[in-house]
Every structure is written in structure tokens, then in C-alpha cells.
Amino acid sequence: MERKFNKQPKLHIKSGDTVIVIAGNSKGKTGVIKKVLVDKQRAIVEGVNLQTKHVKPNANTPQGGIEKREGSIHISNLAVAENGKPVRTGRKLNEEGKLQRFSKATGKFI
């Protein structure tokens, strides 16, 4: 018998969340998650982990040049922000009986 594994694990963050970077070069910065790469367990956060990209001239950018882009950051280095402070999250049933994320600091649903 073959074991079945969950292909998409549940993460403590999702796109649109405001997060704080708790480790790495961008430690202390806050931003909004643009995209979550579930298979790599990484996220792209607005204004965090900026990387320099040299762009060749093409039809869109005839001049070419140097761009600053957001690089991905591992989700273990991110914490959901509530009132400007990082909080731990959990899951519990809400009034409709559906699992929903909540803040362990305040107990409020996120």
C-alpha cells in the first residue's frame, strides 16, 4: 500500500497578509505578501529582500538598465503582524464550524 502525502501543506501566512521579517538581512522590515510559493515554502514580500537585476535592452525597455526586484524569503523568517508586532498564529473553529487562523496573543481571528 502506498502512502499518500498532502501535496499542499497549510502555511501560517497567505498572500495579502502584513508580515514582519524576524530573521535575515531584512530583519525588522514589514511588508505585504505579494505571492506565496507553496512548493518552495517561500514568499515574495513587498519592499523586502530587494535584489539588483541587470536588464538587457529589449522591446519593453529599449534602454535596458538596472532594476530593483523583491526576492523570495523563506516563510520561517516571517511572522504575521498585528498592531505592528509579530504574533504567532494557530487554527481553531469559528462560529460556522470552519477552521480559521487566529492570533495566539489576542485570541482574535485573522
PDB file of N, CA and C in Angstrom:
ATOM      1  N   MET A   1       0.844  -1.188   0.000  1.00  0.00           N
ATOM      2  CA  MET A   1       0.000   0.000   0.000  1.00  0.00           C
ATOM      3  C   MET A   1       0.886   1.247   0.000  1.00  0.00           C
ATOM      4  N   GLU A   2       0.519   2.184  -0.817  1.00  0.00           N
ATOM      5  CA  GLU A   2       1.319   3.389  -0.983  1.00  0.00           C
ATOM      6  C   GLU A   2       0.829   4.500  -0.057  1.00  0.00           C
ATOM      7  N   ARG A   3       1.783   5.197   0.551  1.00  0.00           N
ATOM      8  CA  ARG A   3       1.412   6.311   1.431  1.00  0.00           C
ATOM      9  C   ARG A   3       1.019   7.524   0.616  1.00  0.00           C
ATOM     10  N   LYS A   4       0.026   8.248   1.120  1.00  0.00           N
ATOM     11  CA  LYS A   4      -0.390   9.479   0.461  1.00  0.00           C
ATOM     12  C   LYS A   4       0.056  10.654   1.316  1.00  0.00           C
ATOM     13  N   PHE A   5       0.688  11.624   0.689  1.00  0.00           N
ATOM     14  CA  PHE A   5       1.139  12.808   1.398  1.00  0.00           C
ATOM     15  C   PHE A   5       0.360  14.017   0.918  1.00  0.00           C
ATOM     16  N   ASN A   6       0.156  14.949   1.838  1.00  0.00           N
ATOM     17  CA  ASN A   6      -0.526  16.182   1.490  1.00  0.00           C
ATOM     18  C   ASN A   6       0.384  16.976   0.549  1.00  0.00           C
ATOM     19  N   LYS A   7      -0.109  17.258  -0.653  1.00  0.00           N
ATOM     20  CA  LYS A   7       0.724  17.928  -1.642  1.00  0.00           C
ATOM     21  C   LYS A   7       0.902  19.415  -1.327  1.00  0.00           C
ATOM     22  N   GLN A   8      -0.094  20.043  -0.708  1.00  0.00           N
ATOM     23  CA  GLN A   8      -0.005  21.455  -0.355  1.00  0.00           C
ATOM     24  C   GLN A   8      -0.156  21.601   1.148  1.00  0.00           C
ATOM     25  N   PRO A   9       0.956  21.766   1.862  1.00  0.00           N
ATOM     26  CA  PRO A   9       0.840  21.903   3.316  1.00  0.00           C
ATOM     27  C   PRO A   9       0.219  23.239   3.700  1.00  0.00           C
ATOM     28  N   LYS A  10      -0.439  23.267   4.844  1.00  0.00           N
ATOM     29  CA  LYS A  10      -1.013  24.510   5.357  1.00  0.00           C
ATOM     30  C   LYS A  10       0.107  25.388   5.897  1.00  0.00           C
ATOM     31  N   LEU A  11       0.076  26.650   5.559  1.00  0.00           N
ATOM     32  CA  LEU A  11       1.088  27.591   5.994  1.00  0.00           C
ATOM     33  C   LEU A  11       0.472  28.611   6.943  1.00  0.00           C
ATOM     34  N   HIS A  12       1.305  29.260   7.751  1.00  0.00           N
ATOM     35  CA  HIS A  12       0.794  30.239   8.703  1.00  0.00           C
ATOM     36  C   HIS A  12       0.613  31.615   8.077  1.00  0.00           C
ATOM     37  N   ILE A  13       0.978  31.770   6.794  1.00  0.00           N
ATOM     38  CA  ILE A  13       0.814  33.036   6.094  1.00  0.00           C
ATOM     39  C   ILE A  13       0.100  32.796   4.774  1.00  0.00           C
ATOM     40  N   LYS A  14      -0.485  33.855   4.227  1.00  0.00           N
ATOM     41  CA  LYS A  14      -1.053  33.782   2.886  1.00  0.00           C
ATOM     42  C   LYS A  14      -0.944  35.150   2.238  1.00  0.00           C
ATOM     43  N   SER A  15      -1.140  35.208   0.938  1.00  0.00           N
ATOM     44  CA  SER A  15      -0.948  36.462   0.222  1.00  0.00           C
ATOM     45  C   SER A  15      -1.950  37.502   0.713  1.00  0.00           C
ATOM     46  N   GLY A  16      -1.467  38.732   0.858  1.00  0.00           N
ATOM     47  CA  GLY A  16      -2.288  39.815   1.377  1.00  0.00           C
ATOM     48  C   GLY A  16      -2.045  40.094   2.852  1.00  0.00           C
ATOM     49  N   ASP A  17      -1.379  39.186   3.560  1.00  0.00           N
ATOM     50  CA  ASP A  17      -1.063  39.390   4.976  1.00  0.00           C
ATOM     51  C   ASP A  17       0.036  40.438   5.134  1.00  0.00           C
ATOM     52  N   THR A  18      -0.039  41.195   6.207  1.00  0.00           N
ATOM     53  CA  THR A  18       1.063  42.070   6.592  1.00  0.00           C
ATOM     54  C   THR A  18       1.967  41.274   7.509  1.00  0.00           C
ATOM     55  N   VAL A  19       3.251  41.207   7.135  1.00  0.00           N
ATOM     56  CA  VAL A  19       4.194  40.383   7.891  1.00  0.00           C
ATOM     57  C   VAL A  19       5.411  41.189   8.315  1.00  0.00           C
ATOM     58  N   ILE A  20       6.115  40.672   9.314  1.00  0.00           N
ATOM     59  CA  ILE A  20       7.368  41.241   9.788  1.00  0.00           C
ATOM     60  C   ILE A  20       8.449  40.188   9.570  1.00  0.00           C
ATOM     61  N   VAL A  21       9.600  40.631   9.061  1.00  0.00           N
ATOM     62  CA  VAL A  21      10.732  39.724   8.876  1.00  0.00           C
ATOM     63  C   VAL A  21      11.423  39.586  10.226  1.00  0.00           C
ATOM     64  N   ILE A  22      11.550  38.347  10.712  1.00  0.00           N
ATOM     65  CA  ILE A  22      12.115  38.121  12.046  1.00  0.00           C
ATOM     66  C   ILE A  22      13.549  37.605  11.997  1.00  0.00           C
ATOM     67  N   ALA A  23      14.080  37.311  10.783  1.00  0.00           N
ATOM     68  CA  ALA A  23      15.463  36.837  10.667  1.00  0.00           C
ATOM     69  C   ALA A  23      15.984  37.158   9.276  1.00  0.00           C
ATOM     70  N   GLY A  24      17.295  37.306   9.175  1.00  0.00           N
ATOM     71  CA  GLY A  24      17.924  37.540   7.885  1.00  0.00           C
ATOM     72  C   GLY A  24      18.358  38.985   7.707  1.00  0.00           C
ATOM     73  N   ASN A  25      18.791  39.317   6.477  1.00  0.00           N
ATOM     74  CA  ASN A  25      19.299  40.651   6.181  1.00  0.00           C
ATOM     75  C   ASN A  25      18.237  41.738   6.316  1.00  0.00           C
ATOM     76  N   SER A  26      16.986  41.408   6.073  1.00  0.00           N
ATOM     77  CA  SER A  26      15.897  42.378   6.124  1.00  0.00           C
ATOM     78  C   SER A  26      15.163  42.346   7.459  1.00  0.00           C
ATOM     79  N   LYS A  27      15.812  41.875   8.518  1.00  0.00           N
ATOM     80  CA  LYS A  27      15.170  41.724   9.828  1.00  0.00           C
ATOM     81  C   LYS A  27      14.584  43.045  10.303  1.00  0.00           C
ATOM     82  N   GLY A  28      13.331  42.993  10.774  1.00  0.00           N
ATOM     83  CA  GLY A  28      12.658  44.173  11.303  1.00  0.00           C
ATOM     84  C   GLY A  28      11.780  44.887  10.295  1.00  0.00           C
ATOM     85  N   LYS A  29      11.925  44.600   9.014  1.00  0.00           N
ATOM     86  CA  LYS A  29      11.113  45.265   7.990  1.00  0.00           C
ATOM     87  C   LYS A  29       9.728  44.635   7.930  1.00  0.00           C
ATOM     88  N   THR A  30       8.745  45.457   7.572  1.00  0.00           N
ATOM     89  CA  THR A  30       7.385  44.964   7.398  1.00  0.00           C
ATOM     90  C   THR A  30       6.980  45.144   5.949  1.00  0.00           C
ATOM     91  N   GLY A  31       6.033  44.349   5.521  1.00  0.00           N
ATOM     92  CA  GLY A  31       5.531  44.448   4.159  1.00  0.00           C
ATOM     93  C   GLY A  31       4.332  43.541   3.967  1.00  0.00           C
ATOM     94  N   VAL A  32       3.714  43.670   2.801  1.00  0.00           N
ATOM     95  CA  VAL A  32       2.546  42.873   2.452  1.00  0.00           C
ATOM     96  C   VAL A  32       2.994  41.761   1.505  1.00  0.00           C
ATOM     97  N   ILE A  33       2.493  40.569   1.723  1.00  0.00           N
ATOM     98  CA  ILE A  33       2.877  39.427   0.899  1.00  0.00           C
ATOM     99  C   ILE A  33       2.204  39.553  -0.464  1.00  0.00           C
ATOM    100  N   LYS A  34       3.035  39.536  -1.520  1.00  0.00           N
ATOM    101  CA  LYS A  34       2.527  39.575  -2.887  1.00  0.00           C
ATOM    102  C   LYS A  34       2.154  38.182  -3.375  1.00  0.00           C
ATOM    103  N   LYS A  35       3.049  37.223  -3.085  1.00  0.00           N
ATOM    104  CA  LYS A  35       2.864  35.877  -3.617  1.00  0.00           C
ATOM    105  C   LYS A  35       3.499  34.870  -2.671  1.00  0.00           C
ATOM    106  N   VAL A  36       2.868  33.716  -2.528  1.00  0.00           N
ATOM    107  CA  VAL A  36       3.426  32.631  -1.715  1.00  0.00           C
ATOM    108  C   VAL A  36       3.758  31.471  -2.645  1.00  0.00           C
ATOM    109  N   LEU A  37       5.008  31.021  -2.591  1.00  0.00           N
ATOM    110  CA  LEU A  37       5.460  29.871  -3.371  1.00  0.00           C
ATOM    111  C   LEU A  37       5.383  28.649  -2.453  1.00  0.00           C
ATOM    112  N   VAL A  38       4.259  27.946  -2.501  1.00  0.00           N
ATOM    113  CA  VAL A  38       3.968  26.874  -1.549  1.00  0.00           C
ATOM    114  C   VAL A  38       4.950  25.720  -1.690  1.00  0.00           C
ATOM    115  N   ASP A  39       5.278  25.334  -2.926  1.00  0.00           N
ATOM    116  CA  ASP A  39       6.157  24.182  -3.122  1.00  0.00           C
ATOM    117  C   ASP A  39       7.563  24.427  -2.591  1.00  0.00           C
ATOM    118  N   LYS A  40       8.048  25.683  -2.621  1.00  0.00           N
ATOM    119  CA  LYS A  40       9.377  26.010  -2.108  1.00  0.00           C
ATOM    120  C   LYS A  40       9.332  26.554  -0.685  1.00  0.00           C
ATOM    121  N   GLN A  41       8.143  26.758  -0.133  1.00  0.00           N
ATOM    122  CA  GLN A  41       7.920  27.339   1.191  1.00  0.00           C
ATOM    123  C   GLN A  41       8.597  28.701   1.311  1.00  0.00           C
ATOM    124  N   ARG A  42       8.379  29.539   0.303  1.00  0.00           N
ATOM    125  CA  ARG A  42       8.946  30.880   0.278  1.00  0.00           C
ATOM    126  C   ARG A  42       7.848  31.863  -0.083  1.00  0.00           C
ATOM    127  N   ALA A  43       8.086  33.142   0.206  1.00  0.00           N
ATOM    128  CA  ALA A  43       7.115  34.182  -0.099  1.00  0.00           C
ATOM    129  C   ALA A  43       7.833  35.406  -0.646  1.00  0.00           C
ATOM    130  N   ILE A  44       7.133  36.160  -1.488  1.00  0.00           N
ATOM    131  CA  ILE A  44       7.650  37.419  -2.006  1.00  0.00           C
ATOM    132  C   ILE A  44       6.920  38.529  -1.269  1.00  0.00           C
ATOM    133  N   VAL A  45       7.682  39.348  -0.532  1.00  0.00           N
ATOM    134  CA  VAL A  45       7.119  40.402   0.305  1.00  0.00           C
ATOM    135  C   VAL A  45       7.479  41.747  -0.293  1.00  0.00           C
ATOM    136  N   GLU A  46       6.491  42.632  -0.352  1.00  0.00           N
ATOM    137  CA  GLU A  46       6.658  43.961  -0.946  1.00  0.00           C
ATOM    138  C   GLU A  46       7.694  44.779  -0.171  1.00  0.00           C
ATOM    139  N   GLY A  47       8.753  45.227  -0.860  1.00  0.00           N
ATOM    140  CA  GLY A  47       9.755  46.090  -0.262  1.00  0.00           C
ATOM    141  C   GLY A  47      10.790  45.390   0.608  1.00  0.00           C
ATOM    142  N   VAL A  48      10.804  44.069   0.617  1.00  0.00           N
ATOM    143  CA  VAL A  48      11.725  43.313   1.457  1.00  0.00           C
ATOM    144  C   VAL A  48      12.615  42.442   0.573  1.00  0.00           C
ATOM    145  N   ASN A  49      13.885  42.263   0.967  1.00  0.00           N
ATOM    146  CA  ASN A  49      14.848  41.432   0.248  1.00  0.00           C
ATOM    147  C   ASN A  49      15.023  41.907  -1.191  1.00  0.00           C
ATOM    148  N   LEU A  50      15.309  43.211  -1.358  1.00  0.00           N
ATOM    149  CA  LEU A  50      15.487  43.776  -2.692  1.00  0.00           C
ATOM    150  C   LEU A  50      16.795  43.279  -3.303  1.00  0.00           C
ATOM    151  N   GLN A  51      16.715  42.871  -4.570  1.00  0.00           N
ATOM    152  CA  GLN A  51      17.865  42.371  -5.292  1.00  0.00           C
ATOM    153  C   GLN A  51      18.033  43.185  -6.567  1.00  0.00           C
ATOM    154  N   THR A  52      19.273  43.385  -6.993  1.00  0.00           N
ATOM    155  CA  THR A  52      19.565  44.146  -8.197  1.00  0.00           C
ATOM    156  C   THR A  52      19.566  43.210  -9.394  1.00  0.00           C
ATOM    157  N   LYS A  53      18.838  43.595 -10.434  1.00  0.00           N
ATOM    158  CA  LYS A  53      18.749  42.793 -11.655  1.00  0.00           C
ATOM    159  C   LYS A  53      19.185  43.661 -12.830  1.00  0.00           C
ATOM    160  N   HIS A  54      20.196  43.219 -13.573  1.00  0.00           N
ATOM    161  CA  HIS A  54      20.645  43.921 -14.771  1.00  0.00           C
ATOM    162  C   HIS A  54      19.792  43.448 -15.940  1.00  0.00           C
ATOM    163  N   VAL A  55      19.113  44.397 -16.605  1.00  0.00           N
ATOM    164  CA  VAL A  55      18.160  44.070 -17.663  1.00  0.00           C
ATOM    165  C   VAL A  55      18.748  44.459 -19.015  1.00  0.00           C
ATOM    166  N   LYS A  56      18.743  43.518 -19.946  1.00  0.00           N
ATOM    167  CA  LYS A  56      19.233  43.793 -21.294  1.00  0.00           C
ATOM    168  C   LYS A  56      18.199  44.630 -22.049  1.00  0.00           C
ATOM    169  N   PRO A  57      18.622  45.428 -22.998  1.00  0.00           N
ATOM    170  CA  PRO A  57      17.654  46.173 -23.816  1.00  0.00           C
ATOM    171  C   PRO A  57      16.763  45.219 -24.597  1.00  0.00           C
ATOM    172  N   ASN A  58      15.459  45.512 -24.601  1.00  0.00           N
ATOM    173  CA  ASN A  58      14.504  44.735 -25.382  1.00  0.00           C
ATOM    174  C   ASN A  58      13.366  45.661 -25.809  1.00  0.00           C
ATOM    175  N   ALA A  59      12.298  45.114 -26.336  1.00  0.00           N
ATOM    176  CA  ALA A  59      11.192  45.935 -26.840  1.00  0.00           C
ATOM    177  C   ALA A  59      10.527  46.727 -25.719  1.00  0.00           C
ATOM    178  N   ASN A  60      10.388  46.116 -24.527  1.00  0.00           N
ATOM    179  CA  ASN A  60       9.743  46.802 -23.397  1.00  0.00           C
ATOM    180  C   ASN A  60      10.644  47.867 -22.795  1.00  0.00           C
ATOM    181  N   THR A  61      11.924  47.558 -22.643  1.00  0.00           N
ATOM    182  CA  THR A  61      12.888  48.507 -22.085  1.00  0.00           C
ATOM    183  C   THR A  61      14.003  48.712 -23.103  1.00  0.00           C
ATOM    184  N   PRO A  62      13.813  49.646 -24.055  1.00  0.00           N
ATOM    185  CA  PRO A  62      14.820  49.822 -25.108  1.00  0.00           C
ATOM    186  C   PRO A  62      16.168  50.313 -24.568  1.00  0.00           C
ATOM    187  N   GLN A  63      16.171  50.983 -23.417  1.00  0.00           N
ATOM    188  CA  GLN A  63      17.407  51.485 -22.838  1.00  0.00           C
ATOM    189  C   GLN A  63      18.137  50.403 -22.034  1.00  0.00           C
ATOM    190  N   GLY A  64      17.378  49.437 -21.482  1.00  0.00           N
ATOM    191  CA  GLY A  64      17.963  48.466 -20.571  1.00  0.00           C
ATOM    192  C   GLY A  64      18.183  49.130 -19.218  1.00  0.00           C
ATOM    193  N   GLY A  65      19.085  48.601 -18.404  1.00  0.00           N
ATOM    194  CA  GLY A  65      19.398  49.252 -17.136  1.00  0.00           C
ATOM    195  C   GLY A  65      19.413  48.295 -15.970  1.00  0.00           C
ATOM    196  N   ILE A  66      19.336  48.892 -14.789  1.00  0.00           N
ATOM    197  CA  ILE A  66      19.386  48.134 -13.543  1.00  0.00           C
ATOM    198  C   ILE A  66      18.065  48.317 -12.808  1.00  0.00           C
ATOM    199  N   GLU A  67      17.452  47.198 -12.412  1.00  0.00           N
ATOM    200  CA  GLU A  67      16.178  47.225 -11.685  1.00  0.00           C
ATOM    201  C   GLU A  67      16.366  46.654 -10.290  1.00  0.00           C
ATOM    202  N   LYS A  68      15.551  47.126  -9.358  1.00  0.00           N
ATOM    203  CA  LYS A  68      15.480  46.532  -8.016  1.00  0.00           C
ATOM    204  C   LYS A  68      14.213  45.686  -7.969  1.00  0.00           C
ATOM    205  N   ARG A  69      14.373  44.413  -7.611  1.00  0.00           N
ATOM    206  CA  ARG A  69      13.234  43.498  -7.523  1.00  0.00           C
ATOM    207  C   ARG A  69      13.218  42.833  -6.161  1.00  0.00           C
ATOM    208  N   GLU A  70      12.027  42.434  -5.735  1.00  0.00           N
ATOM    209  CA  GLU A  70      11.914  41.694  -4.483  1.00  0.00           C
ATOM    210  C   GLU A  70      12.271  40.240  -4.728  1.00  0.00           C
ATOM    211  N   GLY A  71      13.132  39.714  -3.888  1.00  0.00           N
ATOM    212  CA  GLY A  71      13.468  38.300  -3.936  1.00  0.00           C
ATOM    213  C   GLY A  71      12.587  37.548  -2.944  1.00  0.00           C
ATOM    214  N   SER A  72      12.559  36.233  -3.078  1.00  0.00           N
ATOM    215  CA  SER A  72      11.747  35.444  -2.157  1.00  0.00           C
ATOM    216  C   SER A  72      12.473  35.290  -0.822  1.00  0.00           C
ATOM    217  N   ILE A  73      11.697  35.044   0.214  1.00  0.00           N
ATOM    218  CA  ILE A  73      12.233  34.858   1.557  1.00  0.00           C
ATOM    219  C   ILE A  73      11.516  33.659   2.168  1.00  0.00           C
ATOM    220  N   HIS A  74      12.225  32.846   2.922  1.00  0.00           N
ATOM    221  CA  HIS A  74      11.644  31.632   3.485  1.00  0.00           C
ATOM    222  C   HIS A  74      10.581  31.994   4.519  1.00  0.00           C
ATOM    223  N   ILE A  75       9.485  31.223   4.546  1.00  0.00           N
ATOM    224  CA  ILE A  75       8.362  31.569   5.420  1.00  0.00           C
ATOM    225  C   ILE A  75       8.683  31.422   6.899  1.00  0.00           C
ATOM    226  N   SER A  76       9.744  30.653   7.223  1.00  0.00           N
ATOM    227  CA  SER A  76      10.117  30.532   8.634  1.00  0.00           C
ATOM    228  C   SER A  76      10.699  31.839   9.159  1.00  0.00           C
ATOM    229  N   ASN A  77      11.115  32.736   8.263  1.00  0.00           N
ATOM    230  CA  ASN A  77      11.666  34.025   8.656  1.00  0.00           C
ATOM    231  C   ASN A  77      10.614  35.123   8.692  1.00  0.00           C
ATOM    232  N   LEU A  78       9.340  34.764   8.546  1.00  0.00           N
ATOM    233  CA  LEU A  78       8.245  35.734   8.532  1.00  0.00           C
ATOM    234  C   LEU A  78       7.271  35.437   9.668  1.00  0.00           C
ATOM    235  N   ALA A  79       6.716  36.511  10.229  1.00  0.00           N
ATOM    236  CA  ALA A  79       5.669  36.376  11.243  1.00  0.00           C
ATOM    237  C   ALA A  79       4.551  37.342  10.896  1.00  0.00           C
ATOM    238  N   VAL A  80       3.320  36.922  11.093  1.00  0.00           N
ATOM    239  CA  VAL A  80       2.168  37.783  10.828  1.00  0.00           C
ATOM    240  C   VAL A  80       2.200  38.956  11.801  1.00  0.00           C
ATOM    241  N   ALA A  81       1.926  40.158  11.288  1.00  0.00           N
ATOM    242  CA  ALA A  81       1.962  41.359  12.117  1.00  0.00           C
ATOM    243  C   ALA A  81       0.553  41.721  12.577  1.00  0.00           C
ATOM    244  N   GLU A  82       0.445  42.039  13.856  1.00  0.00           N
ATOM    245  CA  GLU A  82      -0.817  42.523  14.409  1.00  0.00           C
ATOM    246  C   GLU A  82      -0.485  43.733  15.277  1.00  0.00           C
ATOM    247  N   ASN A  83      -1.014  44.883  14.906  1.00  0.00           N
ATOM    248  CA  ASN A  83      -0.710  46.152  15.574  1.00  0.00           C
ATOM    249  C   ASN A  83       0.784  46.447  15.560  1.00  0.00           C
ATOM    250  N   GLY A  84       1.463  46.097  14.466  1.00  0.00           N
ATOM    251  CA  GLY A  84       2.878  46.377  14.316  1.00  0.00           C
ATOM    252  C   GLY A  84       3.807  45.434  15.040  1.00  0.00           C
ATOM    253  N   LYS A  85       3.282  44.391  15.659  1.00  0.00           N
ATOM    254  CA  LYS A  85       4.115  43.433  16.389  1.00  0.00           C
ATOM    255  C   LYS A  85       3.912  42.036  15.814  1.00  0.00           C
ATOM    256  N   PRO A  86       4.975  41.210  15.811  1.00  0.00           N
ATOM    257  CA  PRO A  86       4.817  39.846  15.313  1.00  0.00           C
ATOM    258  C   PRO A  86       4.017  38.990  16.293  1.00  0.00           C
ATOM    259  N   VAL A  87       3.110  38.182  15.747  1.00  0.00           N
ATOM    260  CA  VAL A  87       2.303  37.291  16.586  1.00  0.00           C
ATOM    261  C   VAL A  87       2.365  35.874  16.022  1.00  0.00           C
ATOM    262  N   ARG A  88       2.234  34.900  16.916  1.00  0.00           N
ATOM    263  CA  ARG A  88       2.126  33.515  16.499  1.00  0.00           C
ATOM    264  C   ARG A  88       0.676  33.245  16.152  1.00  0.00           C
ATOM    265  N   THR A  89       0.465  32.315  15.226  1.00  0.00           N
ATOM    266  CA  THR A  89      -0.890  32.013  14.795  1.00  0.00           C
ATOM    267  C   THR A  89      -1.196  30.544  15.034  1.00  0.00           C
ATOM    268  N   GLY A  90      -2.484  30.253  15.132  1.00  0.00           N
ATOM    269  CA  GLY A  90      -2.973  28.890  15.252  1.00  0.00           C
ATOM    270  C   GLY A  90      -4.250  28.768  14.450  1.00  0.00           C
ATOM    271  N   ARG A  91      -4.880  27.612  14.514  1.00  0.00           N
ATOM    272  CA  ARG A  91      -6.157  27.405  13.822  1.00  0.00           C
ATOM    273  C   ARG A  91      -7.168  26.839  14.801  1.00  0.00           C
ATOM    274  N   LYS A  92      -8.370  27.399  14.736  1.00  0.00           N
ATOM    275  CA  LYS A  92      -9.471  26.833  15.519  1.00  0.00           C
ATOM    276  C   LYS A  92     -10.770  27.083  14.782  1.00  0.00           C
ATOM    277  N   LEU A  93     -11.822  26.403  15.223  1.00  0.00           N
ATOM    278  CA  LEU A  93     -13.116  26.515  14.564  1.00  0.00           C
ATOM    279  C   LEU A  93     -13.774  27.845  14.905  1.00  0.00           C
ATOM    280  N   ASN A  94     -14.355  28.481  13.876  1.00  0.00           N
ATOM    281  CA  ASN A  94     -15.101  29.718  14.111  1.00  0.00           C
ATOM    282  C   ASN A  94     -16.573  29.392  14.328  1.00  0.00           C
ATOM    283  N   GLU A  95     -17.425  30.398  14.314  1.00  0.00           N
ATOM    284  CA  GLU A  95     -18.858  30.200  14.609  1.00  0.00           C
ATOM    285  C   GLU A  95     -19.548  29.283  13.596  1.00  0.00           C
ATOM    286  N   GLU A  96     -19.077  29.332  12.338  1.00  0.00           N
ATOM    287  CA  GLU A  96     -19.692  28.490  11.300  1.00  0.00           C
ATOM    288  C   GLU A  96     -19.135  27.073  11.288  1.00  0.00           C
ATOM    289  N   GLY A  97     -18.180  26.781  12.169  1.00  0.00           N
ATOM    290  CA  GLY A  97     -17.586  25.457  12.232  1.00  0.00           C
ATOM    291  C   GLY A  97     -16.484  25.244  11.213  1.00  0.00           C
ATOM    292  N   LYS A  98     -15.901  26.336  10.730  1.00  0.00           N
ATOM    293  CA  LYS A  98     -14.826  26.253   9.744  1.00  0.00           C
ATOM    294  C   LYS A  98     -13.500  26.622  10.406  1.00  0.00           C
ATOM    295  N   LEU A  99     -12.405  25.916  10.053  1.00  0.00           N
ATOM    296  CA  LEU A  99     -11.098  26.235  10.604  1.00  0.00           C
ATOM    297  C   LEU A  99     -10.636  27.597  10.101  1.00  0.00           C
ATOM    298  N   GLN A 100     -10.196  28.422  11.024  1.00  0.00           N
ATOM    299  CA  GLN A 100      -9.744  29.765  10.674  1.00  0.00           C
ATOM    300  C   GLN A 100      -8.517  30.113  11.510  1.00  0.00           C
ATOM    301  N   ARG A 101      -7.623  30.934  10.959  1.00  0.00           N
ATOM    302  CA  ARG A 101      -6.423  31.340  11.689  1.00  0.00           C
ATOM    303  C   ARG A 101      -6.792  32.345  12.777  1.00  0.00           C
ATOM    304  N   PHE A 102      -6.068  32.267  13.899  1.00  0.00           N
ATOM    305  CA  PHE A 102      -6.280  33.236  14.974  1.00  0.00           C
ATOM    306  C   PHE A 102      -4.931  33.605  15.579  1.00  0.00           C
ATOM    307  N   SER A 103      -4.914  34.760  16.224  1.00  0.00           N
ATOM    308  CA  SER A 103      -3.707  35.248  16.878  1.00  0.00           C
ATOM    309  C   SER A 103      -3.631  34.626  18.272  1.00  0.00           C
ATOM    310  N   LYS A 104      -2.477  34.019  18.591  1.00  0.00           N
ATOM    311  CA  LYS A 104      -2.332  33.403  19.903  1.00  0.00           C
ATOM    312  C   LYS A 104      -2.132  34.449  20.986  1.00  0.00           C
ATOM    313  N   ALA A 105      -1.732  35.663  20.611  1.00  0.00           N
ATOM    314  CA  ALA A 105      -1.520  36.726  21.593  1.00  0.00           C
ATOM    315  C   ALA A 105      -2.854  37.295  22.072  1.00  0.00           C
ATOM    316  N   THR A 106      -3.766  37.569  21.135  1.00  0.00           N
ATOM    317  CA  THR A 106      -5.025  38.205  21.499  1.00  0.00           C
ATOM    318  C   THR A 106      -6.214  37.257  21.425  1.00  0.00           C
ATOM    319  N   GLY A 107      -6.095  36.169  20.684  1.00  0.00           N
ATOM    320  CA  GLY A 107      -7.205  35.233  20.524  1.00  0.00           C
ATOM    321  C   GLY A 107      -8.177  35.644  19.427  1.00  0.00           C
ATOM    322  N   LYS A 108      -7.913  36.751  18.735  1.00  0.00           N
ATOM    323  CA  LYS A 108      -8.812  37.221  17.681  1.00  0.00           C
ATOM    324  C   LYS A 108      -8.520  36.475  16.381  1.00  0.00           C
ATOM    325  N   PHE A 109      -9.577  36.317  15.579  1.00  0.00           N
ATOM    326  CA  PHE A 109      -9.424  35.660  14.260  1.00  0.00           C
ATOM    327  C   PHE A 109      -8.743  36.627  13.295  1.00  0.00           C
ATOM    328  N   ILE A 110      -7.906  36.070  12.448  1.00  0.00           N
ATOM    329  CA  ILE A 110      -7.194  36.884  11.454  1.00  0.00           C
ATOM    330  C   ILE A 110      -7.927  36.784  10.128  1.00  0.00           C
TER     331      ILE A 110
END
